[in-house]
Amino acid sequence: MNFLLDSPEAEKDYQQLLSEIQLRRNGEVVASMKRHGLEYKMSWGVSVAELRELAREFKPGHLLALKLWNKQWRETMILATLLDEPEKVTEEQMDFWTKSFETHEIAEQASAHLWVKTKFAFVKALEWCRGKKHLVRFTGVHLMGRLALTQKSAIDEMFEPFFEELAVVGKDPRLNGVIYRAVIALGTRSKWLNEQSVELAKTFQLCEQEDAIKLGEILLDELTAASVSFDGSE
């Protein structure tokens, strides 16, 4: 990753954010997260909603985001995804952060708040689906869904490569939930993407894995219902 010289402004905001996080700490939330298997090196139990409000009080900055990420608190990592400048994010940074994800929460926050806004989003969504680590593949699928939801001006053909990757990762039962959301997002964009999503659902039904078959059944029901809204639209 590129190293940037520090600045007094970034350091001031960084220190203030650390103080604000600690002021909002909630031990009960931390205990609850641990009971649900959400473990961090350091967590202060600040809700995502509070962190979003806090981020709005500060000017976005790439250097500030890098400093926050390097702190490796749960809250600073989420704030890093909220305060970074998408146009300054590099592929190297995206790979470095994504390969270091340790929870689904951080993967989802980075995908939804930052990765989806970068110029590398489509390429990385495909690339990460082929990754070796579960959370890297999870991020790839999640990013596919976010792109389908947010990139309203993107042509259908930009999403076509996603189906080949989804057909492969669909065999992993740990990804069923995020695949479901991504396919529904794709299948409700247009009539053509709905048809491609229906074919993908049928592919899942031909798998040997019971979880994949069930996923295919659920998707087929919902996508078939969604296709009605496209009738006569073209």
Protein backbone atom coordinates (compact mmCIF):
# COMPACT_ATOMS: atom_id res chain seq x y z
CA MET A 1 0.00 0.00 0.00
CA ASN A 2 1.08 3.58 -0.56
CA PHE A 3 2.22 5.41 2.54
CA LEU A 4 1.05 9.00 2.93
CA LEU A 5 2.69 11.66 5.02
CA ASP A 6 0.70 12.47 8.14
CA SER A 7 -0.99 15.82 8.55
CA PRO A 8 -1.98 17.81 11.65
CA GLU A 9 -5.60 17.98 10.44
CA ALA A 10 -5.87 14.22 9.94
CA GLU A 11 -4.23 13.53 13.29
CA LYS A 12 -6.56 15.96 15.08
CA ASP A 13 -9.67 14.34 13.57
CA TYR A 14 -8.27 10.89 14.27
CA GLN A 15 -7.68 11.60 17.95
CA GLN A 16 -11.08 13.26 18.32
CA LEU A 17 -12.80 10.25 16.75
CA LEU A 18 -11.02 7.88 19.14
CA SER A 19 -12.28 9.98 22.07
CA GLU A 20 -15.82 10.11 20.69
CA ILE A 21 -15.88 6.34 20.27
CA GLN A 22 -14.84 5.75 23.87
CA LEU A 23 -17.46 8.19 25.13
CA ARG A 24 -20.13 6.11 23.38
CA ARG A 25 -18.94 2.72 24.63
CA ASN A 26 -21.58 0.17 25.55
CA GLY A 27 -20.41 -2.88 27.46
CA GLU A 28 -23.76 -4.66 27.11
CA VAL A 29 -23.55 -4.50 23.33
CA VAL A 30 -19.99 -5.87 23.40
CA ALA A 31 -21.12 -8.77 25.58
CA SER A 32 -24.06 -9.45 23.28
CA MET A 33 -21.83 -9.48 20.20
CA LYS A 34 -19.49 -11.97 21.84
CA ARG A 35 -22.42 -14.24 22.71
CA HIS A 36 -23.36 -14.22 19.03
CA GLY A 37 -19.81 -15.04 17.94
CA LEU A 38 -18.89 -11.52 16.81
CA GLU A 39 -15.36 -11.20 18.17
CA TYR A 40 -12.99 -8.28 17.65
CA LYS A 41 -9.51 -7.43 18.91
CA MET A 42 -11.13 -4.32 20.37
CA SER A 43 -14.78 -3.27 20.33
CA TRP A 44 -16.52 -0.50 22.25
CA GLY A 45 -20.06 -1.56 21.37
CA VAL A 46 -20.98 1.59 19.44
CA SER A 47 -23.90 1.00 17.06
CA VAL A 48 -23.49 1.45 13.31
CA ALA A 49 -26.21 4.10 13.39
CA GLU A 50 -24.20 6.12 15.93
CA LEU A 51 -21.05 5.72 13.87
CA ARG A 52 -22.85 7.03 10.78
CA GLU A 53 -24.00 10.09 12.73
CA LEU A 54 -20.48 10.61 14.02
CA ALA A 55 -18.98 10.31 10.54
CA ARG A 56 -21.27 13.08 9.29
CA GLU A 57 -19.57 15.48 11.70
CA PHE A 58 -16.17 15.01 10.05
CA LYS A 59 -14.78 15.81 6.62
CA PRO A 60 -13.98 12.66 4.59
CA GLY A 61 -10.28 12.06 4.09
CA HIS A 62 -8.22 9.25 2.61
CA LEU A 63 -5.38 9.66 5.08
CA LEU A 64 -7.82 9.80 8.00
CA ALA A 65 -9.45 6.58 6.79
CA LEU A 66 -6.11 4.79 6.57
CA LYS A 67 -5.22 5.87 10.10
CA LEU A 68 -8.60 4.69 11.38
CA TRP A 69 -8.30 1.33 9.63
CA ASN A 70 -4.81 0.72 11.00
CA LYS A 71 -6.11 1.17 14.56
CA GLN A 72 -8.08 -2.07 14.07
CA TRP A 73 -10.89 -1.31 16.51
CA ARG A 74 -14.29 -2.41 15.27
CA GLU A 75 -15.52 1.16 15.34
CA THR A 76 -12.48 2.71 13.65
CA MET A 77 -12.67 0.17 10.82
CA ILE A 78 -16.34 0.97 10.21
CA LEU A 79 -15.59 4.71 10.34
CA ALA A 80 -12.77 4.17 7.83
CA THR A 81 -15.29 2.80 5.34
CA LEU A 82 -17.54 5.81 5.96
CA LEU A 83 -14.88 8.51 5.77
CA ASP A 84 -12.59 7.34 2.96
CA GLU A 85 -12.66 9.02 -0.45
CA PRO A 86 -13.68 6.41 -3.07
CA GLU A 87 -11.81 8.13 -5.89
CA LYS A 88 -8.54 7.78 -3.94
CA VAL A 89 -8.99 4.10 -3.07
CA THR A 90 -6.56 1.79 -4.88
CA GLU A 91 -6.91 -1.86 -5.87
CA GLU A 92 -4.06 -2.63 -3.51
CA GLN A 93 -5.95 -1.09 -0.59
CA MET A 94 -9.13 -2.97 -1.49
CA ASP A 95 -7.31 -6.30 -1.58
CA PHE A 96 -5.35 -5.60 1.60
CA TRP A 97 -8.42 -4.63 3.64
CA THR A 98 -10.65 -7.36 2.24
CA LYS A 99 -8.14 -10.14 2.89
CA SER A 100 -7.87 -8.93 6.50
CA PHE A 101 -11.63 -8.99 7.24
CA GLU A 102 -12.42 -11.10 10.31
CA THR A 103 -16.21 -10.65 10.54
CA HIS A 104 -19.15 -10.46 8.17
CA GLU A 105 -20.08 -7.12 9.71
CA ILE A 106 -16.91 -5.38 8.56
CA ALA A 107 -17.14 -7.04 5.14
CA GLU A 108 -20.69 -5.75 4.68
CA GLN A 109 -19.85 -2.23 5.89
CA ALA A 110 -16.84 -1.93 3.56
CA SER A 111 -18.78 -3.31 0.60
CA ALA A 112 -21.86 -1.11 1.11
CA HIS A 113 -20.18 2.14 2.14
CA LEU A 114 -16.94 2.19 0.15
CA TRP A 115 -16.12 -0.60 -2.30
CA VAL A 116 -19.34 -0.15 -4.27
CA LYS A 117 -18.39 3.49 -4.95
CA THR A 118 -14.94 2.75 -6.39
CA LYS A 119 -14.04 2.38 -10.06
CA PHE A 120 -12.77 -1.13 -9.37
CA ALA A 121 -16.02 -2.47 -7.91
CA PHE A 122 -17.15 -4.70 -10.79
CA VAL A 123 -13.69 -6.20 -11.29
CA LYS A 124 -13.17 -6.88 -7.59
CA ALA A 125 -16.62 -8.40 -7.11
CA LEU A 126 -15.74 -11.06 -9.70
CA GLU A 127 -12.18 -11.53 -8.49
CA TRP A 128 -13.07 -11.97 -4.83
CA CYS A 129 -15.67 -14.64 -5.61
CA ARG A 130 -12.72 -16.79 -6.66
CA GLY A 131 -10.82 -16.13 -3.45
CA LYS A 132 -9.63 -18.81 -1.05
CA LYS A 133 -10.90 -17.22 2.18
CA HIS A 134 -14.59 -17.43 3.04
CA LEU A 135 -14.88 -13.74 3.93
CA VAL A 136 -13.21 -12.72 0.67
CA ARG A 137 -15.79 -14.73 -1.30
CA PHE A 138 -18.55 -13.35 0.94
CA THR A 139 -17.42 -9.80 0.15
CA GLY A 140 -17.39 -10.55 -3.57
CA VAL A 141 -20.97 -11.80 -3.52
CA HIS A 142 -22.14 -9.00 -1.23
CA LEU A 143 -20.55 -6.43 -3.54
CA MET A 144 -22.37 -7.97 -6.51
CA GLY A 145 -25.65 -7.41 -4.73
CA ARG A 146 -24.78 -3.84 -3.78
CA LEU A 147 -23.82 -3.03 -7.37
CA ALA A 148 -27.12 -4.46 -8.59
CA LEU A 149 -28.99 -2.29 -6.10
CA THR A 150 -27.12 0.98 -6.49
CA GLN A 151 -25.67 1.23 -9.99
CA LYS A 152 -28.91 2.27 -11.69
CA SER A 153 -27.23 3.49 -14.88
CA ALA A 154 -25.16 0.34 -15.45
CA ILE A 155 -26.19 -1.70 -18.50
CA ASP A 156 -27.35 -5.30 -18.03
CA GLU A 157 -24.29 -6.72 -19.77
CA MET A 158 -22.06 -5.46 -16.96
CA PHE A 159 -23.79 -7.92 -14.62
CA GLU A 160 -23.67 -10.91 -16.97
CA PRO A 161 -20.29 -12.26 -15.71
CA PHE A 162 -21.71 -12.44 -12.17
CA PHE A 163 -23.88 -15.45 -12.98
CA GLU A 164 -20.98 -17.75 -13.79
CA GLU A 165 -19.32 -16.96 -10.47
CA LEU A 166 -22.56 -17.28 -8.50
CA ALA A 167 -23.15 -20.73 -10.00
CA VAL A 168 -19.84 -21.85 -8.50
CA VAL A 169 -20.05 -20.23 -5.04
CA GLY A 170 -23.67 -21.38 -4.76
CA LYS A 171 -22.33 -24.77 -3.69
CA ASP A 172 -21.05 -23.26 -0.44
CA PRO A 173 -23.90 -23.35 2.13
CA ARG A 174 -22.19 -20.63 4.21
CA LEU A 175 -22.90 -18.18 1.40
CA ASN A 176 -26.58 -19.02 0.90
CA GLY A 177 -27.89 -15.91 2.63
CA VAL A 178 -25.74 -13.39 0.80
CA ILE A 179 -26.23 -15.20 -2.53
CA TYR A 180 -30.00 -15.05 -2.04
CA ARG A 181 -29.87 -11.28 -1.54
CA ALA A 182 -27.53 -10.74 -4.49
CA VAL A 183 -29.60 -12.83 -6.92
CA ILE A 184 -32.84 -11.13 -5.90
CA ALA A 185 -31.17 -7.74 -6.46
CA LEU A 186 -30.04 -8.86 -9.91
CA GLY A 187 -33.34 -10.48 -10.81
CA THR A 188 -35.38 -7.39 -10.06
CA ARG A 189 -33.31 -4.99 -12.22
CA SER A 190 -34.70 -5.92 -15.63
CA LYS A 191 -36.55 -8.60 -17.56
CA TRP A 192 -33.34 -9.96 -19.09
CA LEU A 193 -31.52 -10.15 -15.74
CA ASN A 194 -34.61 -11.76 -14.24
CA GLU A 195 -34.42 -14.47 -16.90
CA GLN A 196 -30.71 -15.02 -16.19
CA SER A 197 -31.43 -15.20 -12.46
CA VAL A 198 -34.18 -17.76 -13.04
CA GLU A 199 -31.76 -19.93 -15.01
CA LEU A 200 -29.25 -19.64 -12.16
CA ALA A 201 -31.91 -20.73 -9.67
CA LYS A 202 -32.61 -23.79 -11.85
CA THR A 203 -28.89 -24.56 -11.88
CA PHE A 204 -28.88 -24.57 -8.07
CA GLN A 205 -31.73 -27.08 -8.13
CA LEU A 206 -29.53 -29.49 -10.11
CA CYS A 207 -26.79 -29.48 -7.48
CA GLU A 208 -26.18 -32.44 -5.18
CA GLN A 209 -26.08 -30.25 -2.08
CA GLU A 210 -29.42 -30.06 -0.29
CA ASP A 211 -28.80 -26.43 0.74
CA ALA A 212 -28.21 -25.38 -2.87
CA ILE A 213 -31.37 -27.17 -4.02
CA LYS A 214 -33.42 -25.40 -1.34
CA LEU A 215 -31.87 -22.05 -2.28
CA GLY A 216 -32.79 -22.66 -5.90
CA GLU A 217 -36.39 -23.45 -4.98
CA ILE A 218 -36.81 -20.29 -2.92
CA LEU A 219 -35.19 -18.11 -5.57
CA LEU A 220 -37.24 -19.62 -8.36
CA ASP A 221 -40.49 -18.88 -6.54
CA GLU A 222 -39.58 -15.26 -5.85
CA LEU A 223 -38.00 -14.55 -9.23
CA THR A 224 -40.94 -16.04 -11.09
CA ALA A 225 -43.27 -13.77 -9.12
CA ALA A 226 -41.01 -10.78 -9.82
CA SER A 227 -41.02 -11.50 -13.55
CA VAL A 228 -44.70 -10.53 -13.69
CA SER A 229 -43.74 -6.90 -13.14
CA PHE A 230 -41.67 -6.93 -16.32
CA ASP A 231 -44.44 -8.28 -18.55
CA GLY A 232 -45.29 -5.75 -21.21
CA SER A 233 -42.50 -3.42 -20.09
CA GLU A 234 -40.45 -3.96 -23.22
